[in-house]
Amino acid sequence: MIDPRSVRRVVTGHDANRTAKILIDAAASNKRISKSGGVATLIWCTDRTPADISAGENIEDMGARVLGTPPPPNGTRFTVNDIPPGRTGPMHRTETIDYVIVLSGEIDMETDDSTIKLKAGDVLVQRGTNHAWINRGTEPARVAFILIDAKPLGIGHPVTGGATVR
């Protein structure tokens, strides 16, 4: 049986003749498991803008890098997170713009002065605010996060950390 928390990752590219093709089609394996049982699966990242999408089949698997919470400087970080029921994440802030897509379940985002409940199909644009993710429901929530490096706000103490190659 396939792990229900696995994420199929398909990555396209071009061969040496510049023919479009599938380069990777497999379960994403770069997972970080939190103490509370949450799983963050790195799908892909970039380390510059514009991103490198060179032709050729011998690409670096940008989903294999070891990252902290924020993306690399001038880059992006795309994860799918499985958040178990009862999990209360820490209040934190990153110097990023985050595109958040709730794929299944429900999740609350708590900020300094308010809380918003998001359900499957909802999307949120998070702009460097202090926040925490809380699953108050009885089912796991699966959430896609795309973090894009942004100009520092100079507010508080954001989570920092760069990328390293695995």
N, C-alpha and C. Protein backbone atom coordinates (compact mmCIF):
# COMPACT_ATOMS: atom_id res chain seq x y z
N MET A 1 0.84 -1.19 0.00
CA MET A 1 0.00 0.00 0.00
C MET A 1 0.88 1.25 0.00
N ILE A 2 0.47 2.28 -0.72
CA ILE A 2 1.22 3.53 -0.80
C ILE A 2 0.93 4.36 0.45
N ASP A 3 1.96 4.97 1.00
CA ASP A 3 1.80 5.86 2.14
C ASP A 3 0.84 6.99 1.73
N PRO A 4 -0.27 7.17 2.47
CA PRO A 4 -1.24 8.20 2.09
C PRO A 4 -0.66 9.61 2.14
N ARG A 5 0.46 9.77 2.84
CA ARG A 5 1.08 11.09 2.90
C ARG A 5 2.08 11.31 1.77
N SER A 6 2.28 10.31 0.89
CA SER A 6 3.23 10.49 -0.20
C SER A 6 2.64 11.45 -1.23
N VAL A 7 3.53 12.11 -1.94
CA VAL A 7 3.14 13.07 -2.97
C VAL A 7 3.84 12.65 -4.27
N ARG A 8 3.06 12.38 -5.29
CA ARG A 8 3.65 12.07 -6.60
C ARG A 8 4.20 13.37 -7.18
N ARG A 9 5.45 13.32 -7.59
CA ARG A 9 6.13 14.51 -8.13
C ARG A 9 6.53 14.23 -9.57
N VAL A 10 6.04 15.04 -10.47
CA VAL A 10 6.36 14.93 -11.89
C VAL A 10 7.09 16.20 -12.29
N VAL A 11 8.29 16.05 -12.85
CA VAL A 11 9.11 17.19 -13.26
C VAL A 11 9.40 17.05 -14.76
N THR A 12 9.14 18.11 -15.49
CA THR A 12 9.37 18.09 -16.93
C THR A 12 10.67 18.80 -17.28
N GLY A 13 11.09 18.62 -18.52
CA GLY A 13 12.29 19.29 -19.02
C GLY A 13 12.44 19.00 -20.50
N HIS A 14 13.66 19.08 -20.99
CA HIS A 14 13.95 18.84 -22.41
C HIS A 14 15.19 17.96 -22.52
N ASP A 15 15.20 17.12 -23.55
CA ASP A 15 16.41 16.34 -23.80
C ASP A 15 17.39 17.19 -24.61
N ALA A 16 18.50 16.61 -25.02
CA ALA A 16 19.55 17.34 -25.75
C ALA A 16 19.04 17.87 -27.09
N ASN A 17 18.00 17.25 -27.63
CA ASN A 17 17.42 17.71 -28.91
C ASN A 17 16.32 18.74 -28.69
N ARG A 18 16.16 19.18 -27.43
CA ARG A 18 15.16 20.18 -27.05
C ARG A 18 13.72 19.67 -27.20
N THR A 19 13.57 18.36 -27.06
CA THR A 19 12.25 17.74 -27.08
C THR A 19 11.74 17.71 -25.64
N ALA A 20 10.52 18.21 -25.43
CA ALA A 20 9.92 18.22 -24.10
C ALA A 20 9.65 16.80 -23.65
N LYS A 21 9.95 16.52 -22.37
CA LYS A 21 9.75 15.18 -21.85
C LYS A 21 9.61 15.21 -20.33
N ILE A 22 9.20 14.08 -19.78
CA ILE A 22 9.13 13.90 -18.32
C ILE A 22 10.51 13.46 -17.86
N LEU A 23 11.08 14.18 -16.90
CA LEU A 23 12.40 13.82 -16.35
C LEU A 23 12.30 13.04 -15.05
N ILE A 24 11.30 13.37 -14.23
CA ILE A 24 11.11 12.69 -12.94
C ILE A 24 9.62 12.39 -12.80
N ASP A 25 9.30 11.17 -12.40
CA ASP A 25 7.93 10.78 -12.07
C ASP A 25 8.03 9.75 -10.95
N ALA A 26 7.96 10.22 -9.73
CA ALA A 26 8.12 9.35 -8.56
C ALA A 26 7.59 10.06 -7.33
N ALA A 27 7.43 9.31 -6.26
CA ALA A 27 7.04 9.92 -5.00
C ALA A 27 8.15 10.84 -4.52
N ALA A 28 7.79 12.04 -4.10
CA ALA A 28 8.77 12.97 -3.53
C ALA A 28 9.27 12.37 -2.22
N SER A 29 10.59 12.34 -2.05
CA SER A 29 11.14 11.64 -0.90
C SER A 29 11.82 12.54 0.13
N ASN A 30 11.95 13.83 -0.17
CA ASN A 30 12.63 14.74 0.74
C ASN A 30 11.61 15.27 1.76
N LYS A 31 11.49 14.55 2.88
CA LYS A 31 10.48 14.85 3.89
C LYS A 31 11.14 15.27 5.19
N ARG A 32 10.50 16.24 5.84
CA ARG A 32 10.92 16.67 7.17
C ARG A 32 9.73 16.41 8.09
N ILE A 33 9.95 15.63 9.15
CA ILE A 33 8.87 15.27 10.07
C ILE A 33 9.06 16.04 11.37
N SER A 34 8.00 16.74 11.78
CA SER A 34 8.06 17.53 13.00
C SER A 34 7.79 16.65 14.22
N LYS A 35 8.09 17.19 15.39
CA LYS A 35 7.85 16.47 16.65
C LYS A 35 6.38 16.15 16.83
N SER A 36 5.50 17.00 16.27
CA SER A 36 4.06 16.80 16.42
C SER A 36 3.49 15.86 15.36
N GLY A 37 4.34 15.32 14.49
CA GLY A 37 3.88 14.37 13.48
C GLY A 37 3.54 14.98 12.14
N GLY A 38 3.71 16.28 11.99
CA GLY A 38 3.50 16.91 10.70
C GLY A 38 4.61 16.52 9.73
N VAL A 39 4.26 16.46 8.45
CA VAL A 39 5.23 16.09 7.43
C VAL A 39 5.27 17.19 6.37
N ALA A 40 6.46 17.76 6.13
CA ALA A 40 6.66 18.74 5.06
C ALA A 40 7.49 18.06 3.98
N THR A 41 6.92 17.94 2.79
CA THR A 41 7.59 17.30 1.67
C THR A 41 8.03 18.37 0.69
N LEU A 42 9.35 18.50 0.48
CA LEU A 42 9.86 19.47 -0.48
C LEU A 42 9.61 18.94 -1.88
N ILE A 43 8.93 19.72 -2.69
CA ILE A 43 8.64 19.34 -4.07
C ILE A 43 9.73 19.90 -4.98
N TRP A 44 10.06 21.19 -4.80
CA TRP A 44 11.06 21.84 -5.66
C TRP A 44 11.45 23.15 -4.99
N CYS A 45 12.60 23.66 -5.37
CA CYS A 45 13.01 25.00 -4.96
C CYS A 45 13.79 25.62 -6.10
N THR A 46 13.96 26.92 -6.03
CA THR A 46 14.84 27.62 -6.96
C THR A 46 15.78 28.47 -6.12
N ASP A 47 16.94 28.78 -6.66
CA ASP A 47 17.90 29.58 -5.90
C ASP A 47 18.26 30.88 -6.61
N ARG A 48 17.44 31.25 -7.60
CA ARG A 48 17.65 32.54 -8.28
C ARG A 48 16.40 32.87 -9.08
N THR A 49 16.30 34.15 -9.41
CA THR A 49 15.25 34.63 -10.30
C THR A 49 15.92 35.48 -11.36
N PRO A 50 15.69 35.22 -12.65
CA PRO A 50 14.86 34.13 -13.16
C PRO A 50 15.47 32.76 -12.84
N ALA A 51 14.59 31.77 -12.77
CA ALA A 51 15.01 30.41 -12.44
C ALA A 51 15.74 29.76 -13.61
N ASP A 52 16.62 28.82 -13.29
CA ASP A 52 17.36 28.06 -14.31
C ASP A 52 16.49 26.91 -14.80
N ILE A 53 16.10 26.97 -16.08
CA ILE A 53 15.33 25.88 -16.69
C ILE A 53 16.05 25.38 -17.94
N SER A 54 17.37 25.30 -17.86
CA SER A 54 18.19 24.88 -18.99
C SER A 54 17.74 23.54 -19.55
N ALA A 55 17.93 23.39 -20.88
CA ALA A 55 17.63 22.12 -21.53
C ALA A 55 18.70 21.09 -21.15
N GLY A 56 18.33 19.85 -21.19
CA GLY A 56 19.23 18.77 -20.85
C GLY A 56 18.61 17.88 -19.80
N GLU A 57 18.95 16.61 -19.83
CA GLU A 57 18.36 15.64 -18.92
C GLU A 57 19.11 15.51 -17.60
N ASN A 58 20.31 16.03 -17.52
CA ASN A 58 21.11 15.92 -16.30
C ASN A 58 20.95 17.16 -15.44
N ILE A 59 19.73 17.36 -14.96
CA ILE A 59 19.43 18.53 -14.13
C ILE A 59 19.67 18.20 -12.67
N GLU A 60 19.90 19.24 -11.86
CA GLU A 60 19.94 19.02 -10.41
C GLU A 60 18.51 18.82 -9.94
N ASP A 61 18.30 17.83 -9.10
CA ASP A 61 16.99 17.62 -8.50
C ASP A 61 16.83 18.65 -7.39
N MET A 62 16.15 19.74 -7.70
CA MET A 62 15.99 20.83 -6.74
C MET A 62 15.00 20.46 -5.62
N GLY A 63 14.40 19.31 -5.71
CA GLY A 63 13.58 18.81 -4.62
C GLY A 63 14.38 17.98 -3.63
N ALA A 64 15.67 17.80 -3.89
CA ALA A 64 16.52 17.01 -2.99
C ALA A 64 17.34 17.89 -2.05
N ARG A 65 17.25 19.19 -2.21
CA ARG A 65 18.04 20.08 -1.35
C ARG A 65 17.51 20.06 0.08
N VAL A 66 18.38 20.35 1.01
CA VAL A 66 17.99 20.47 2.41
C VAL A 66 17.78 21.96 2.67
N LEU A 67 16.56 22.33 3.03
CA LEU A 67 16.22 23.74 3.25
C LEU A 67 15.71 23.95 4.66
N GLY A 68 15.85 25.17 5.12
CA GLY A 68 15.16 25.59 6.32
C GLY A 68 13.74 25.97 5.92
N THR A 69 13.08 26.76 6.75
CA THR A 69 11.71 27.19 6.44
C THR A 69 11.66 28.15 5.26
N PRO A 70 12.50 29.19 5.21
CA PRO A 70 12.42 30.08 4.05
C PRO A 70 13.14 29.50 2.83
N PRO A 71 12.84 30.06 1.65
CA PRO A 71 13.54 29.61 0.45
C PRO A 71 14.95 30.17 0.42
N PRO A 72 15.78 29.70 -0.53
CA PRO A 72 17.10 30.30 -0.71
C PRO A 72 16.95 31.78 -1.07
N PRO A 73 17.96 32.60 -0.80
CA PRO A 73 17.89 34.01 -1.19
C PRO A 73 17.58 34.14 -2.68
N ASN A 74 16.64 35.02 -3.01
CA ASN A 74 16.18 35.26 -4.38
C ASN A 74 15.53 34.04 -5.02
N GLY A 75 15.08 33.10 -4.18
CA GLY A 75 14.52 31.87 -4.71
C GLY A 75 13.13 31.57 -4.21
N THR A 76 12.74 30.31 -4.41
CA THR A 76 11.41 29.83 -4.03
C THR A 76 11.53 28.49 -3.32
N ARG A 77 10.48 28.13 -2.61
CA ARG A 77 10.39 26.84 -1.92
C ARG A 77 8.96 26.35 -2.03
N PHE A 78 8.76 25.15 -2.58
CA PHE A 78 7.44 24.58 -2.79
C PHE A 78 7.35 23.28 -2.00
N THR A 79 6.45 23.26 -1.00
CA THR A 79 6.26 22.05 -0.19
C THR A 79 4.78 21.68 -0.15
N VAL A 80 4.54 20.41 0.14
CA VAL A 80 3.20 19.95 0.49
C VAL A 80 3.32 19.45 1.92
N ASN A 81 2.50 20.03 2.80
CA ASN A 81 2.57 19.71 4.22
C ASN A 81 1.32 18.97 4.66
N ASP A 82 1.53 17.90 5.41
CA ASP A 82 0.44 17.16 6.04
C ASP A 82 0.46 17.51 7.52
N ILE A 83 -0.65 18.11 7.98
CA ILE A 83 -0.73 18.64 9.34
C ILE A 83 -1.78 17.82 10.10
N PRO A 84 -1.34 17.07 11.12
CA PRO A 84 -2.28 16.18 11.82
C PRO A 84 -3.27 16.95 12.69
N PRO A 85 -4.40 16.32 13.00
CA PRO A 85 -5.37 16.94 13.89
C PRO A 85 -4.74 17.24 15.25
N GLY A 86 -5.10 18.37 15.81
CA GLY A 86 -4.58 18.76 17.12
C GLY A 86 -3.23 19.44 17.10
N ARG A 87 -2.61 19.53 15.95
CA ARG A 87 -1.28 20.14 15.86
C ARG A 87 -1.39 21.66 15.92
N THR A 88 -0.60 22.25 16.82
CA THR A 88 -0.48 23.70 16.93
C THR A 88 0.94 24.05 16.59
N GLY A 89 1.13 24.73 15.48
CA GLY A 89 2.47 25.13 15.06
C GLY A 89 2.91 26.38 15.79
N PRO A 90 4.21 26.66 15.75
CA PRO A 90 4.72 27.84 16.44
C PRO A 90 4.40 29.13 15.68
N MET A 91 4.24 30.21 16.42
CA MET A 91 4.08 31.53 15.80
C MET A 91 5.44 31.87 15.18
N HIS A 92 5.43 32.30 13.92
CA HIS A 92 6.68 32.60 13.21
C HIS A 92 6.40 33.57 12.06
N ARG A 93 7.47 34.08 11.49
CA ARG A 93 7.38 34.98 10.35
C ARG A 93 8.57 34.75 9.46
N THR A 94 8.36 34.74 8.15
CA THR A 94 9.44 34.66 7.19
C THR A 94 9.40 35.89 6.30
N GLU A 95 10.53 36.24 5.74
CA GLU A 95 10.62 37.38 4.82
C GLU A 95 10.26 36.89 3.43
N THR A 96 8.99 36.47 3.28
CA THR A 96 8.53 35.87 2.04
C THR A 96 7.09 36.29 1.73
N ILE A 97 6.73 36.11 0.48
CA ILE A 97 5.32 36.10 0.12
C ILE A 97 4.99 34.63 -0.08
N ASP A 98 3.92 34.18 0.55
CA ASP A 98 3.55 32.76 0.52
C ASP A 98 2.21 32.59 -0.18
N TYR A 99 2.17 31.68 -1.13
CA TYR A 99 0.92 31.26 -1.75
C TYR A 99 0.55 29.95 -1.08
N VAL A 100 -0.62 29.92 -0.45
CA VAL A 100 -1.04 28.78 0.36
C VAL A 100 -2.33 28.22 -0.26
N ILE A 101 -2.33 26.91 -0.54
CA ILE A 101 -3.49 26.26 -1.15
C ILE A 101 -3.87 25.08 -0.26
N VAL A 102 -5.08 25.10 0.29
CA VAL A 102 -5.54 23.98 1.11
C VAL A 102 -6.08 22.91 0.16
N LEU A 103 -5.40 21.76 0.17
CA LEU A 103 -5.76 20.66 -0.73
C LEU A 103 -6.84 19.76 -0.13
N SER A 104 -6.75 19.52 1.17
CA SER A 104 -7.77 18.72 1.85
C SER A 104 -7.79 19.08 3.33
N GLY A 105 -8.94 18.84 3.96
CA GLY A 105 -9.09 19.14 5.38
C GLY A 105 -9.32 20.62 5.63
N GLU A 106 -9.11 21.01 6.89
CA GLU A 106 -9.27 22.40 7.32
C GLU A 106 -8.09 22.78 8.19
N ILE A 107 -7.73 24.05 8.14
CA ILE A 107 -6.59 24.56 8.92
C ILE A 107 -6.89 26.01 9.31
N ASP A 108 -6.47 26.39 10.50
CA ASP A 108 -6.60 27.78 10.93
C ASP A 108 -5.25 28.46 10.82
N MET A 109 -5.24 29.70 10.35
CA MET A 109 -4.04 30.53 10.41
C MET A 109 -4.31 31.62 11.43
N GLU A 110 -3.49 31.61 12.47
CA GLU A 110 -3.61 32.60 13.54
C GLU A 110 -2.56 33.68 13.31
N THR A 111 -2.95 34.95 13.38
CA THR A 111 -2.01 36.06 13.28
C THR A 111 -2.00 36.79 14.63
N ASP A 112 -1.29 37.90 14.71
CA ASP A 112 -1.21 38.64 15.96
C ASP A 112 -2.57 39.05 16.50
N ASP A 113 -3.53 39.39 15.59
CA ASP A 113 -4.81 39.88 16.09
C ASP A 113 -6.04 39.19 15.53
N SER A 114 -5.86 38.11 14.77
CA SER A 114 -7.04 37.44 14.22
C SER A 114 -6.72 36.01 13.83
N THR A 115 -7.79 35.24 13.58
CA THR A 115 -7.68 33.86 13.13
C THR A 115 -8.63 33.67 11.95
N ILE A 116 -8.15 32.95 10.94
CA ILE A 116 -8.99 32.66 9.78
C ILE A 116 -8.99 31.15 9.55
N LYS A 117 -10.19 30.58 9.34
CA LYS A 117 -10.30 29.14 9.04
C LYS A 117 -10.28 28.98 7.52
N LEU A 118 -9.44 28.07 7.05
CA LEU A 118 -9.35 27.75 5.64
C LEU A 118 -9.74 26.30 5.44
N LYS A 119 -10.45 26.03 4.35
CA LYS A 119 -10.87 24.65 4.05
C LYS A 119 -10.42 24.28 2.65
N ALA A 120 -10.54 23.01 2.31
CA ALA A 120 -10.11 22.51 1.00
C ALA A 120 -10.64 23.41 -0.11
N GLY A 121 -9.73 23.81 -0.99
CA GLY A 121 -10.08 24.69 -2.10
C GLY A 121 -9.79 26.15 -1.84
N ASP A 122 -9.60 26.53 -0.58
CA ASP A 122 -9.28 27.92 -0.26
C ASP A 122 -7.82 28.21 -0.56
N VAL A 123 -7.55 29.46 -0.91
CA VAL A 123 -6.18 29.92 -1.13
C VAL A 123 -5.95 31.18 -0.30
N LEU A 124 -4.71 31.39 0.08
CA LEU A 124 -4.35 32.52 0.92
C LEU A 124 -3.02 33.08 0.41
N VAL A 125 -2.89 34.39 0.43
CA VAL A 125 -1.63 35.04 0.12
C VAL A 125 -1.14 35.64 1.44
N GLN A 126 -0.04 35.14 1.93
CA GLN A 126 0.53 35.54 3.22
C GLN A 126 1.76 36.40 2.93
N ARG A 127 1.76 37.64 3.41
CA ARG A 127 2.77 38.63 3.04
C ARG A 127 3.67 39.00 4.22
N GLY A 128 4.48 38.05 4.66
CA GLY A 128 5.47 38.33 5.69
C GLY A 128 4.91 38.58 7.07
N THR A 129 3.70 38.12 7.35
CA THR A 129 3.08 38.37 8.65
C THR A 129 3.45 37.30 9.67
N ASN A 130 3.37 37.67 10.94
CA ASN A 130 3.55 36.74 12.03
C ASN A 130 2.32 35.83 12.05
N HIS A 131 2.54 34.49 12.05
CA HIS A 131 1.41 33.57 11.97
C HIS A 131 1.77 32.19 12.52
N ALA A 132 0.72 31.41 12.78
CA ALA A 132 0.87 30.02 13.19
C ALA A 132 -0.22 29.22 12.49
N TRP A 133 0.09 27.95 12.19
CA TRP A 133 -0.87 27.04 11.57
C TRP A 133 -1.38 26.07 12.63
N ILE A 134 -2.72 25.96 12.76
CA ILE A 134 -3.33 25.13 13.79
C ILE A 134 -4.41 24.27 13.15
N ASN A 135 -4.33 22.96 13.37
CA ASN A 135 -5.37 22.06 12.88
C ASN A 135 -6.25 21.71 14.07
N ARG A 136 -7.40 22.39 14.18
CA ARG A 136 -8.34 22.16 15.27
C ARG A 136 -9.37 21.09 14.91
N GLY A 137 -9.28 20.54 13.71
CA GLY A 137 -10.24 19.55 13.24
C GLY A 137 -9.89 18.15 13.69
N THR A 138 -10.63 17.19 13.15
CA THR A 138 -10.43 15.78 13.49
C THR A 138 -9.75 15.01 12.36
N GLU A 139 -9.51 15.67 11.24
CA GLU A 139 -8.88 15.05 10.08
C GLU A 139 -7.57 15.75 9.76
N PRO A 140 -6.62 15.05 9.16
CA PRO A 140 -5.38 15.72 8.72
C PRO A 140 -5.71 16.78 7.67
N ALA A 141 -4.89 17.81 7.62
CA ALA A 141 -5.00 18.83 6.57
C ALA A 141 -3.78 18.70 5.67
N ARG A 142 -4.00 18.75 4.36
CA ARG A 142 -2.89 18.76 3.39
C ARG A 142 -2.89 20.14 2.75
N VAL A 143 -1.73 20.81 2.86
CA VAL A 143 -1.62 22.19 2.41
C VAL A 143 -0.37 22.35 1.55
N ALA A 144 -0.52 23.01 0.40
CA ALA A 144 0.62 23.32 -0.46
C ALA A 144 1.07 24.74 -0.13
N PHE A 145 2.38 24.90 0.05
CA PHE A 145 2.97 26.20 0.34
C PHE A 145 4.02 26.53 -0.71
N ILE A 146 3.89 27.68 -1.35
CA ILE A 146 4.91 28.19 -2.27
C ILE A 146 5.43 29.48 -1.65
N LEU A 147 6.68 29.46 -1.16
CA LEU A 147 7.30 30.63 -0.53
C LEU A 147 8.25 31.28 -1.52
N ILE A 148 8.14 32.59 -1.66
CA ILE A 148 8.98 33.36 -2.57
C ILE A 148 9.73 34.39 -1.76
N ASP A 149 11.06 34.39 -1.89
CA ASP A 149 11.89 35.34 -1.15
C ASP A 149 11.41 36.77 -1.41
N ALA A 150 11.42 37.61 -0.39
CA ALA A 150 10.94 38.99 -0.50
C ALA A 150 11.92 39.93 0.18
N LYS A 151 11.73 41.22 -0.06
CA LYS A 151 12.56 42.23 0.59
C LYS A 151 12.25 42.24 2.09
N PRO A 152 13.26 42.33 2.94
CA PRO A 152 13.03 42.34 4.39
C PRO A 152 12.14 43.50 4.83
N LEU A 153 11.28 43.21 5.80
CA LEU A 153 10.39 44.22 6.36
C LEU A 153 11.02 44.98 7.53
N GLY A 154 11.97 44.35 8.22
CA GLY A 154 12.54 44.97 9.40
C GLY A 154 11.62 44.89 10.60
N ILE A 155 10.74 43.88 10.64
CA ILE A 155 9.80 43.70 11.74
C ILE A 155 10.19 42.45 12.51
N GLY A 156 10.38 42.58 13.83
CA GLY A 156 10.61 41.41 14.66
C GLY A 156 11.82 40.59 14.27
N HIS A 157 11.69 39.28 14.48
CA HIS A 157 12.78 38.34 14.25
C HIS A 157 12.31 37.23 13.31
N PRO A 158 12.45 37.44 12.00
CA PRO A 158 11.98 36.42 11.06
C PRO A 158 12.81 35.14 11.13
N VAL A 159 12.18 34.04 10.74
CA VAL A 159 12.89 32.77 10.60
C VAL A 159 13.84 32.92 9.43
N THR A 160 15.09 32.54 9.63
CA THR A 160 16.07 32.62 8.55
C THR A 160 16.70 31.26 8.35
N GLY A 161 17.42 31.13 7.28
CA GLY A 161 18.10 29.88 7.00
C GLY A 161 18.22 29.70 5.51
N GLY A 162 19.37 29.30 5.10
CA GLY A 162 19.61 29.14 3.67
C GLY A 162 19.47 27.70 3.24
N ALA A 163 19.82 27.47 2.02
CA ALA A 163 19.74 26.14 1.45
C ALA A 163 21.12 25.51 1.41
N THR A 164 21.14 24.22 1.55
CA THR A 164 22.36 23.47 1.36
C THR A 164 22.06 22.33 0.41
N VAL A 165 23.03 21.90 -0.32
CA VAL A 165 22.82 20.78 -1.22
C VAL A 165 22.94 19.50 -0.42
N ARG A 166 22.02 18.61 -0.60
CA ARG A 166 21.98 17.34 0.14
C ARG A 166 23.05 16.42 -0.37
